[in-house]
C-alpha atoms as a PDB file:
ATOM      1  CA  UNK A   1      12.858   3.783   1.145  1.00  0.00           C
ATOM      2  CA  UNK A   2      12.368   4.858   4.808  1.00  0.00           C
ATOM      3  CA  UNK A   3      13.133   2.017   7.181  1.00  0.00           C
ATOM      4  CA  UNK A   4      10.597   0.619   9.841  1.00  0.00           C
ATOM      5  CA  UNK A   5      10.499   1.904  13.347  1.00  0.00           C
ATOM      6  CA  UNK A   6       9.860  -0.123  16.564  1.00  0.00           C
ATOM      7  CA  UNK A   7       8.494   3.378  18.089  1.00  0.00           C
ATOM      8  CA  UNK A   8       6.881   6.060  17.018  1.00  0.00           C
ATOM      9  CA  UNK A   9       6.706   9.585  17.947  1.00  0.00           C
ATOM     10  CA  UNK A  10       3.668  11.796  16.768  1.00  0.00           C
ATOM     11  CA  UNK A  11       2.755  15.617  16.953  1.00  0.00           C
ATOM     12  CA  UNK A  12      -0.027  16.509  16.443  1.00  0.00           C
ATOM     13  CA  UNK A  13      -1.655  19.909  15.131  1.00  0.00           C
ATOM     14  CA  UNK A  14      -4.724  20.468  17.179  1.00  0.00           C
ATOM     15  CA  UNK A  15      -5.556  23.605  16.027  1.00  0.00           C
ATOM     16  CA  UNK A  16      -5.468  22.071  12.177  1.00  0.00           C
ATOM     17  CA  UNK A  17      -6.961  18.852  13.261  1.00  0.00           C
ATOM     18  CA  UNK A  18      -8.923  18.924  16.383  1.00  0.00           C
ATOM     19  CA  UNK A  19     -10.858  15.476  16.349  1.00  0.00           C
ATOM     20  CA  UNK A  20      -8.228  12.524  17.118  1.00  0.00           C
ATOM     21  CA  UNK A  21      -9.052   9.210  18.521  1.00  0.00           C
ATOM     22  CA  UNK A  22      -6.092   8.785  21.191  1.00  0.00           C
ATOM     23  CA  UNK A  23      -7.344   5.413  22.184  1.00  0.00           C
ATOM     24  CA  UNK A  24      -5.985   3.881  18.630  1.00  0.00           C
ATOM     25  CA  UNK A  25      -2.310   4.423  20.112  1.00  0.00           C
ATOM     26  CA  UNK A  26      -3.599   1.898  23.199  1.00  0.00           C
ATOM     27  CA  UNK A  27      -1.414  -1.008  23.244  1.00  0.00           C
ATOM     28  CA  UNK A  28       0.958   0.872  20.401  1.00  0.00           C
ATOM     29  CA  UNK A  29       4.509   1.438  21.146  1.00  0.00           C
ATOM     30  CA  UNK A  30       4.081   5.299  20.291  1.00  0.00           C
ATOM     31  CA  UNK A  31       3.642   8.229  22.220  1.00  0.00           C
ATOM     32  CA  UNK A  32       1.742  11.716  20.828  1.00  0.00           C
ATOM     33  CA  UNK A  33       2.423  15.471  21.676  1.00  0.00           C
ATOM     34  CA  UNK A  34      -0.445  17.167  21.253  1.00  0.00           C
ATOM     35  CA  UNK A  35       0.160  21.324  20.413  1.00  0.00           C
ATOM     36  CA  UNK A  36      -2.923  23.453  21.637  1.00  0.00           C
ATOM     37  CA  UNK A  37      -3.344  26.633  20.171  1.00  0.00           C
ATOM     38  CA  UNK A  38      -3.264  29.714  22.420  1.00  0.00           C
ATOM     39  CA  UNK A  39      -6.875  30.441  21.705  1.00  0.00           C
ATOM     40  CA  UNK A  40      -8.141  26.813  22.013  1.00  0.00           C
ATOM     41  CA  UNK A  41     -10.357  26.954  25.390  1.00  0.00           C
ATOM     42  CA  UNK A  42     -12.597  23.929  24.997  1.00  0.00           C
ATOM     43  CA  UNK A  43     -11.841  20.087  24.026  1.00  0.00           C
ATOM     44  CA  UNK A  44     -14.419  17.082  23.608  1.00  0.00           C
ATOM     45  CA  UNK A  45     -15.268  15.137  27.140  1.00  0.00           C
ATOM     46  CA  UNK A  46     -14.192  12.266  25.345  1.00  0.00           C
ATOM     47  CA  UNK A  47     -10.868  13.747  24.399  1.00  0.00           C
ATOM     48  CA  UNK A  48     -10.160  14.280  27.772  1.00  0.00           C
ATOM     49  CA  UNK A  49     -10.898  11.286  29.250  1.00  0.00           C
ATOM     50  CA  UNK A  50      -8.783   9.632  26.417  1.00  0.00           C
ATOM     51  CA  UNK A  51      -5.742  11.802  27.795  1.00  0.00           C
ATOM     52  CA  UNK A  52      -6.288  10.952  31.233  1.00  0.00           C
ATOM     53  CA  UNK A  53      -6.593   7.316  30.745  1.00  0.00           C
ATOM     54  CA  UNK A  54      -3.178   7.112  28.801  1.00  0.00           C
ATOM     55  CA  UNK A  55      -1.310  10.035  30.638  1.00  0.00           C
ATOM     56  CA  UNK A  56       1.507   7.795  29.768  1.00  0.00           C
ATOM     57  CA  UNK A  57       1.627   7.930  26.227  1.00  0.00           C
ATOM     58  CA  UNK A  58       0.221  11.366  25.577  1.00  0.00           C
ATOM     59  CA  UNK A  59       2.123  14.825  26.188  1.00  0.00           C
ATOM     60  CA  UNK A  60       0.615  18.397  26.290  1.00  0.00           C
ATOM     61  CA  UNK A  61       1.906  21.438  24.741  1.00  0.00           C
ATOM     62  CA  UNK A  62       0.191  24.714  24.802  1.00  0.00           C
ATOM     63  CA  UNK A  63       1.664  27.250  22.611  1.00  0.00           C
ATOM     64  CA  UNK A  64       1.272  30.354  24.540  1.00  0.00           C
ATOM     65  CA  UNK A  65       1.925  32.595  21.402  1.00  0.00           C
ATOM     66  CA  UNK A  66      -0.716  33.418  18.629  1.00  0.00           C
ATOM     67  CA  UNK A  67       0.164  34.617  15.221  1.00  0.00           C
ATOM     68  CA  UNK A  68       0.853  32.598  11.980  1.00  0.00           C
ATOM     69  CA  UNK A  69       2.681  29.907  12.045  1.00  0.00           C
ATOM     70  CA  UNK A  70       2.763  30.047  15.742  1.00  0.00           C
ATOM     71  CA  UNK A  71       1.943  26.699  16.376  1.00  0.00           C
ATOM     72  CA  UNK A  72       3.711  25.043  13.494  1.00  0.00           C
ATOM     73  CA  UNK A  73       7.192  26.505  14.618  1.00  0.00           C
ATOM     74  CA  UNK A  74       6.544  25.365  18.208  1.00  0.00           C
ATOM     75  CA  UNK A  75       5.905  21.563  17.189  1.00  0.00           C
ATOM     76  CA  UNK A  76       9.061  21.671  14.856  1.00  0.00           C
ATOM     77  CA  UNK A  77      10.778  22.442  17.951  1.00  0.00           C
ATOM     78  CA  UNK A  78       9.340  20.007  19.914  1.00  0.00           C
ATOM     79  CA  UNK A  79      10.044  17.621  16.689  1.00  0.00           C
ATOM     80  CA  UNK A  80      13.872  18.708  16.248  1.00  0.00           C
ATOM     81  CA  UNK A  81      14.593  17.797  19.687  1.00  0.00           C
ATOM     82  CA  UNK A  82      13.038  14.639  20.006  1.00  0.00           C
ATOM     83  CA  UNK A  83      14.786  13.680  16.802  1.00  0.00           C
ATOM     84  CA  UNK A  84      17.983  14.637  18.382  1.00  0.00           C
ATOM     85  CA  UNK A  85      17.194  12.068  21.268  1.00  0.00           C
ATOM     86  CA  UNK A  86      15.835   9.367  19.401  1.00  0.00           C
ATOM     87  CA  UNK A  87      16.604   9.791  15.863  1.00  0.00           C
ATOM     88  CA  UNK A  88      15.791   5.694  15.050  1.00  0.00           C
ATOM     89  CA  UNK A  89      12.417   6.653  15.734  1.00  0.00           C
ATOM     90  CA  UNK A  90       9.168   7.034  13.300  1.00  0.00           C
ATOM     91  CA  UNK A  91       8.173  10.631  13.585  1.00  0.00           C
ATOM     92  CA  UNK A  92       4.559  11.571  12.214  1.00  0.00           C
ATOM     93  CA  UNK A  93       3.015  14.948  11.876  1.00  0.00           C
ATOM     94  CA  UNK A  94      -0.857  15.177  12.038  1.00  0.00           C
ATOM     95  CA  UNK A  95      -1.854  18.339  10.087  1.00  0.00           C
ATOM     96  CA  UNK A  96      -3.369  19.240   6.854  1.00  0.00           C
ATOM     97  CA  UNK A  97      -1.016  22.183   6.540  1.00  0.00           C
ATOM     98  CA  UNK A  98       1.664  21.164   3.185  1.00  0.00           C
ATOM     99  CA  UNK A  99       3.910  23.889   4.614  1.00  0.00           C
ATOM    100  CA  UNK A 100       5.887  20.911   6.745  1.00  0.00           C
ATOM    101  CA  UNK A 101       6.726  18.895   3.532  1.00  0.00           C
ATOM    102  CA  UNK A 102       9.947  20.782   2.608  1.00  0.00           C
ATOM    103  CA  UNK A 103      11.258  20.335   6.193  1.00  0.00           C
ATOM    104  CA  UNK A 104      10.008  16.444   6.014  1.00  0.00           C
ATOM    105  CA  UNK A 105      11.640  16.243   2.600  1.00  0.00           C
ATOM    106  CA  UNK A 106      15.075  17.809   4.308  1.00  0.00           C
ATOM    107  CA  UNK A 107      14.793  15.358   7.240  1.00  0.00           C
ATOM    108  CA  UNK A 108      14.304  12.371   4.857  1.00  0.00           C
ATOM    109  CA  UNK A 109      17.789  13.426   3.538  1.00  0.00           C
ATOM    110  CA  UNK A 110      19.130  13.312   6.808  1.00  0.00           C
ATOM    111  CA  UNK A 111      17.993   9.526   7.581  1.00  0.00           C
ATOM    112  CA  UNK A 112      14.977  10.457   9.573  1.00  0.00           C
ATOM    113  CA  UNK A 113      11.695   8.585   9.495  1.00  0.00           C
ATOM    114  CA  UNK A 114       9.049  10.895   9.493  1.00  0.00           C
ATOM    115  CA  UNK A 115       6.067  11.265   7.357  1.00  0.00           C
ATOM    116  CA  UNK A 116       2.880  13.940   7.413  1.00  0.00           C
ATOM    117  CA  UNK A 117      -1.069  12.790   7.596  1.00  0.00           C
ATOM    118  CA  UNK A 118      -4.141  14.552   7.134  1.00  0.00           C
ATOM    119  CA  UNK A 119      -5.545  12.761  10.120  1.00  0.00           C
ATOM    120  CA  UNK A 120      -4.447  10.948  13.174  1.00  0.00           C
ATOM    121  CA  UNK A 121      -6.775   7.176  11.996  1.00  0.00           C
ATOM    122  CA  UNK A 122      -4.479   7.703   8.796  1.00  0.00           C
ATOM    123  CA  UNK A 123      -0.959   7.178  10.547  1.00  0.00           C
ATOM    124  CA  UNK A 124       0.673   4.066   9.324  1.00  0.00           C
ATOM    125  CA  UNK A 125       1.368   1.995  12.274  1.00  0.00           C
ATOM    126  CA  UNK A 126      -1.968   1.924  13.339  1.00  0.00           C
ATOM    127  CA  UNK A 127      -3.197   0.060  10.602  1.00  0.00           C
ATOM    128  CA  UNK A 128      -3.054  -3.750  11.407  1.00  0.00           C
ATOM    129  CA  UNK A 129      -0.803  -5.573   8.863  1.00  0.00           C
ATOM    130  CA  UNK A 130      -2.605  -7.812   6.206  1.00  0.00           C
ATOM    131  CA  UNK A 131      -1.996 -11.467   6.094  1.00  0.00           C
ATOM    132  CA  UNK A 132      -0.760 -12.739   3.202  1.00  0.00           C
ATOM    133  CA  UNK A 133      -3.020 -13.625   0.687  1.00  0.00           C
ATOM    134  CA  UNK A 134      -2.626 -16.747  -1.942  1.00  0.00           C
ATOM    135  CA  UNK A 135      -2.991 -15.069  -5.053  1.00  0.00           C
ATOM    136  CA  UNK A 136      -5.776 -17.308  -7.191  1.00  0.00           C
ATOM    137  CA  UNK A 137      -4.964 -18.656 -10.044  1.00  0.00           C
ATOM    138  CA  UNK A 138      -5.475 -15.952 -13.236  1.00  0.00           C
ATOM    139  CA  UNK A 139      -8.482 -16.971 -15.359  1.00  0.00           C
ATOM    140  CA  UNK A 140      -6.085 -16.591 -18.533  1.00  0.00           C
ATOM    141  CA  UNK A 141      -3.832 -19.616 -17.097  1.00  0.00           C
ATOM    142  CA  UNK A 142      -7.145 -21.679 -16.402  1.00  0.00           C
ATOM    143  CA  UNK A 143      -8.025 -21.159 -19.898  1.00  0.00           C
ATOM    144  CA  UNK A 144      -4.305 -22.077 -21.308  1.00  0.00           C
ATOM    145  CA  UNK A 145      -4.149 -24.818 -19.408  1.00  0.00           C
ATOM    146  CA  UNK A 146      -8.052 -25.820 -20.515  1.00  0.00           C
ATOM    147  CA  UNK A 147      -7.204 -25.115 -24.384  1.00  0.00           C
ATOM    148  CA  UNK A 148      -3.972 -27.493 -24.384  1.00  0.00           C
ATOM    149  CA  UNK A 149      -5.677 -30.378 -22.769  1.00  0.00           C
ATOM    150  CA  UNK A 150      -8.808 -30.559 -25.262  1.00  0.00           C
ATOM    151  CA  UNK A 151      -6.429 -30.110 -27.908  1.00  0.00           C
ATOM    152  CA  UNK A 152      -4.091 -33.081 -26.670  1.00  0.00           C
ATOM    153  CA  UNK A 153      -7.823 -35.423 -26.417  1.00  0.00           C
ATOM    154  CA  UNK A 154      -7.563 -37.698 -29.233  1.00  0.00           C
ATOM    155  CA  UNK A 155     -11.572 -38.466 -28.312  1.00  0.00           C
ATOM    156  CA  UNK A 156     -11.889 -34.632 -29.822  1.00  0.00           C
ATOM    157  CA  UNK A 157     -13.052 -34.864 -33.553  1.00  0.00           C
ATOM    158  CA  UNK A 158     -13.736 -31.435 -34.346  1.00  0.00           C
ATOM    159  CA  UNK A 159     -10.087 -30.306 -33.663  1.00  0.00           C
ATOM    160  CA  UNK A 160      -8.898 -27.711 -36.283  1.00  0.00           C
ATOM    161  CA  UNK A 161      -6.807 -29.388 -39.089  1.00  0.00           C
ATOM    162  CA  UNK A 162      -4.659 -26.563 -40.299  1.00  0.00           C
ATOM    163  CA  UNK A 163      -2.359 -23.941 -38.993  1.00  0.00           C
ATOM    164  CA  UNK A 164      -4.067 -21.010 -39.511  1.00  0.00           C
ATOM    165  CA  UNK A 165      -7.658 -22.596 -37.953  1.00  0.00           C
ATOM    166  CA  UNK A 166      -5.972 -23.369 -34.968  1.00  0.00           C
ATOM    167  CA  UNK A 167      -4.082 -20.301 -34.323  1.00  0.00           C
ATOM    168  CA  UNK A 168      -7.254 -18.589 -34.316  1.00  0.00           C
ATOM    169  CA  UNK A 169      -9.363 -21.468 -32.011  1.00  0.00           C
ATOM    170  CA  UNK A 170      -6.212 -20.716 -29.454  1.00  0.00           C
ATOM    171  CA  UNK A 171      -7.469 -17.086 -29.603  1.00  0.00           C
ATOM    172  CA  UNK A 172     -11.149 -17.607 -29.217  1.00  0.00           C
ATOM    173  CA  UNK A 173     -10.733 -19.890 -26.400  1.00  0.00           C
ATOM    174  CA  UNK A 174      -8.067 -17.457 -24.176  1.00  0.00           C
ATOM    175  CA  UNK A 175     -10.581 -14.728 -24.135  1.00  0.00           C
ATOM    176  CA  UNK A 176     -10.129 -10.712 -23.666  1.00  0.00           C
ATOM    177  CA  UNK A 177      -6.245 -11.372 -23.111  1.00  0.00           C
ATOM    178  CA  UNK A 178      -5.614 -13.476 -25.995  1.00  0.00           C
ATOM    179  CA  UNK A 179      -2.750 -12.193 -28.274  1.00  0.00           C
ATOM    180  CA  UNK A 180      -0.792 -13.371 -31.561  1.00  0.00           C
ATOM    181  CA  UNK A 181       2.321 -14.215 -28.989  1.00  0.00           C
ATOM    182  CA  UNK A 182       0.316 -16.153 -26.715  1.00  0.00           C
ATOM    183  CA  UNK A 183      -1.176 -18.586 -29.391  1.00  0.00           C
ATOM    184  CA  UNK A 184       1.939 -18.959 -30.537  1.00  0.00           C
ATOM    185  CA  UNK A 185       3.319 -19.903 -27.448  1.00  0.00           C
ATOM    186  CA  UNK A 186       0.810 -22.523 -27.239  1.00  0.00           C
ATOM    187  CA  UNK A 187       1.620 -23.752 -30.368  1.00  0.00           C
ATOM    188  CA  UNK A 188       5.168 -24.337 -29.671  1.00  0.00           C
ATOM    189  CA  UNK A 189       4.266 -25.956 -26.524  1.00  0.00           C
ATOM    190  CA  UNK A 190       1.988 -28.585 -28.282  1.00  0.00           C
ATOM    191  CA  UNK A 191       4.544 -29.573 -30.791  1.00  0.00           C
ATOM    192  CA  UNK A 192       7.280 -29.876 -28.537  1.00  0.00           C
ATOM    193  CA  UNK A 193       5.235 -32.309 -26.822  1.00  0.00           C
ATOM    194  CA  UNK A 194       4.498 -33.957 -29.531  1.00  0.00           C
ATOM    195  CA  UNK A 195       0.679 -33.570 -29.376  1.00  0.00           C
ATOM    196  CA  UNK A 196       0.582 -32.580 -33.209  1.00  0.00           C
ATOM    197  CA  UNK A 197       3.029 -31.791 -36.068  1.00  0.00           C
ATOM    198  CA  UNK A 198       2.671 -28.792 -38.566  1.00  0.00           C
ATOM    199  CA  UNK A 199       3.021 -30.364 -42.263  1.00  0.00           C
ATOM    200  CA  UNK A 200       4.630 -27.925 -45.063  1.00  0.00           C
ATOM    201  CA  UNK A 201       1.405 -27.401 -46.194  1.00  0.00           C
ATOM    202  CA  UNK A 202       0.645 -25.941 -42.537  1.00  0.00           C
ATOM    203  CA  UNK A 203      -1.862 -29.151 -42.250  1.00  0.00           C
ATOM    204  CA  UNK A 204      -2.006 -30.250 -38.645  1.00  0.00           C
ATOM    205  CA  UNK A 205      -1.667 -33.993 -37.861  1.00  0.00           C
ATOM    206  CA  UNK A 206      -2.771 -34.752 -33.788  1.00  0.00           C
ATOM    207  CA  UNK A 207      -0.727 -37.977 -32.339  1.00  0.00           C
END
C-alpha cells in the first residue's frame, strides 16, 4: 500500500488526454505539469484561462520533437527530476497510455507514490473524502432478535413443541440468509437463557 502524500505533482500528456479541467486543482496542495506535443497548436479558450488563473500551480512544457514516444519520454524526464527533488510527494500521470505502467511498477518498488489515470477528473486527491457512515443494522440481525423475542414470549400459544419443528420455524423466520448453523445457534442461545428445555424425546418445554 502506497503511503498518502500531502502534496501532489501531476504530469498530463495533453496529446493523449487533451480535455482537462484545471479548475479542480484550485485550493488543492498540488501542481500540474502539462506536456504539449509539437503539433498541438490550438487549445480551448477555457483551458487557456485556467492556465493564466492558476499560473502558480501550472507549468507548461513544449515537446520540441515529434515522433514515437517523444512526449512520453519527455514526461518521464520531468517526472524523474521531480521525484529526486520531492520524493515524498504523490505523483500522478494523466494518460491513457499503458506503456507507463511498467515504470510505475518499478517506482513503487523504490517507495515512490505514483499512479496513472485515464482522465484528469479521476485523480484520487480530487475526490472529497466521504463522511463515515454508521452501518445500519442488518435485516438478518433484526429478524434474529425478533425470533428470539417471540419464542421467549409466554403469551404465544402456538410455539413449536418439538426440536425439529422449532428449527424449521427459526429457519423460516430468518428468511433467505437462514442456515442450519444459524438456527442451531439460536436454539442453543434459548437453552442457555433457560427460555426452553429440550426433553430426551426432543419435545420442547418453554419456561
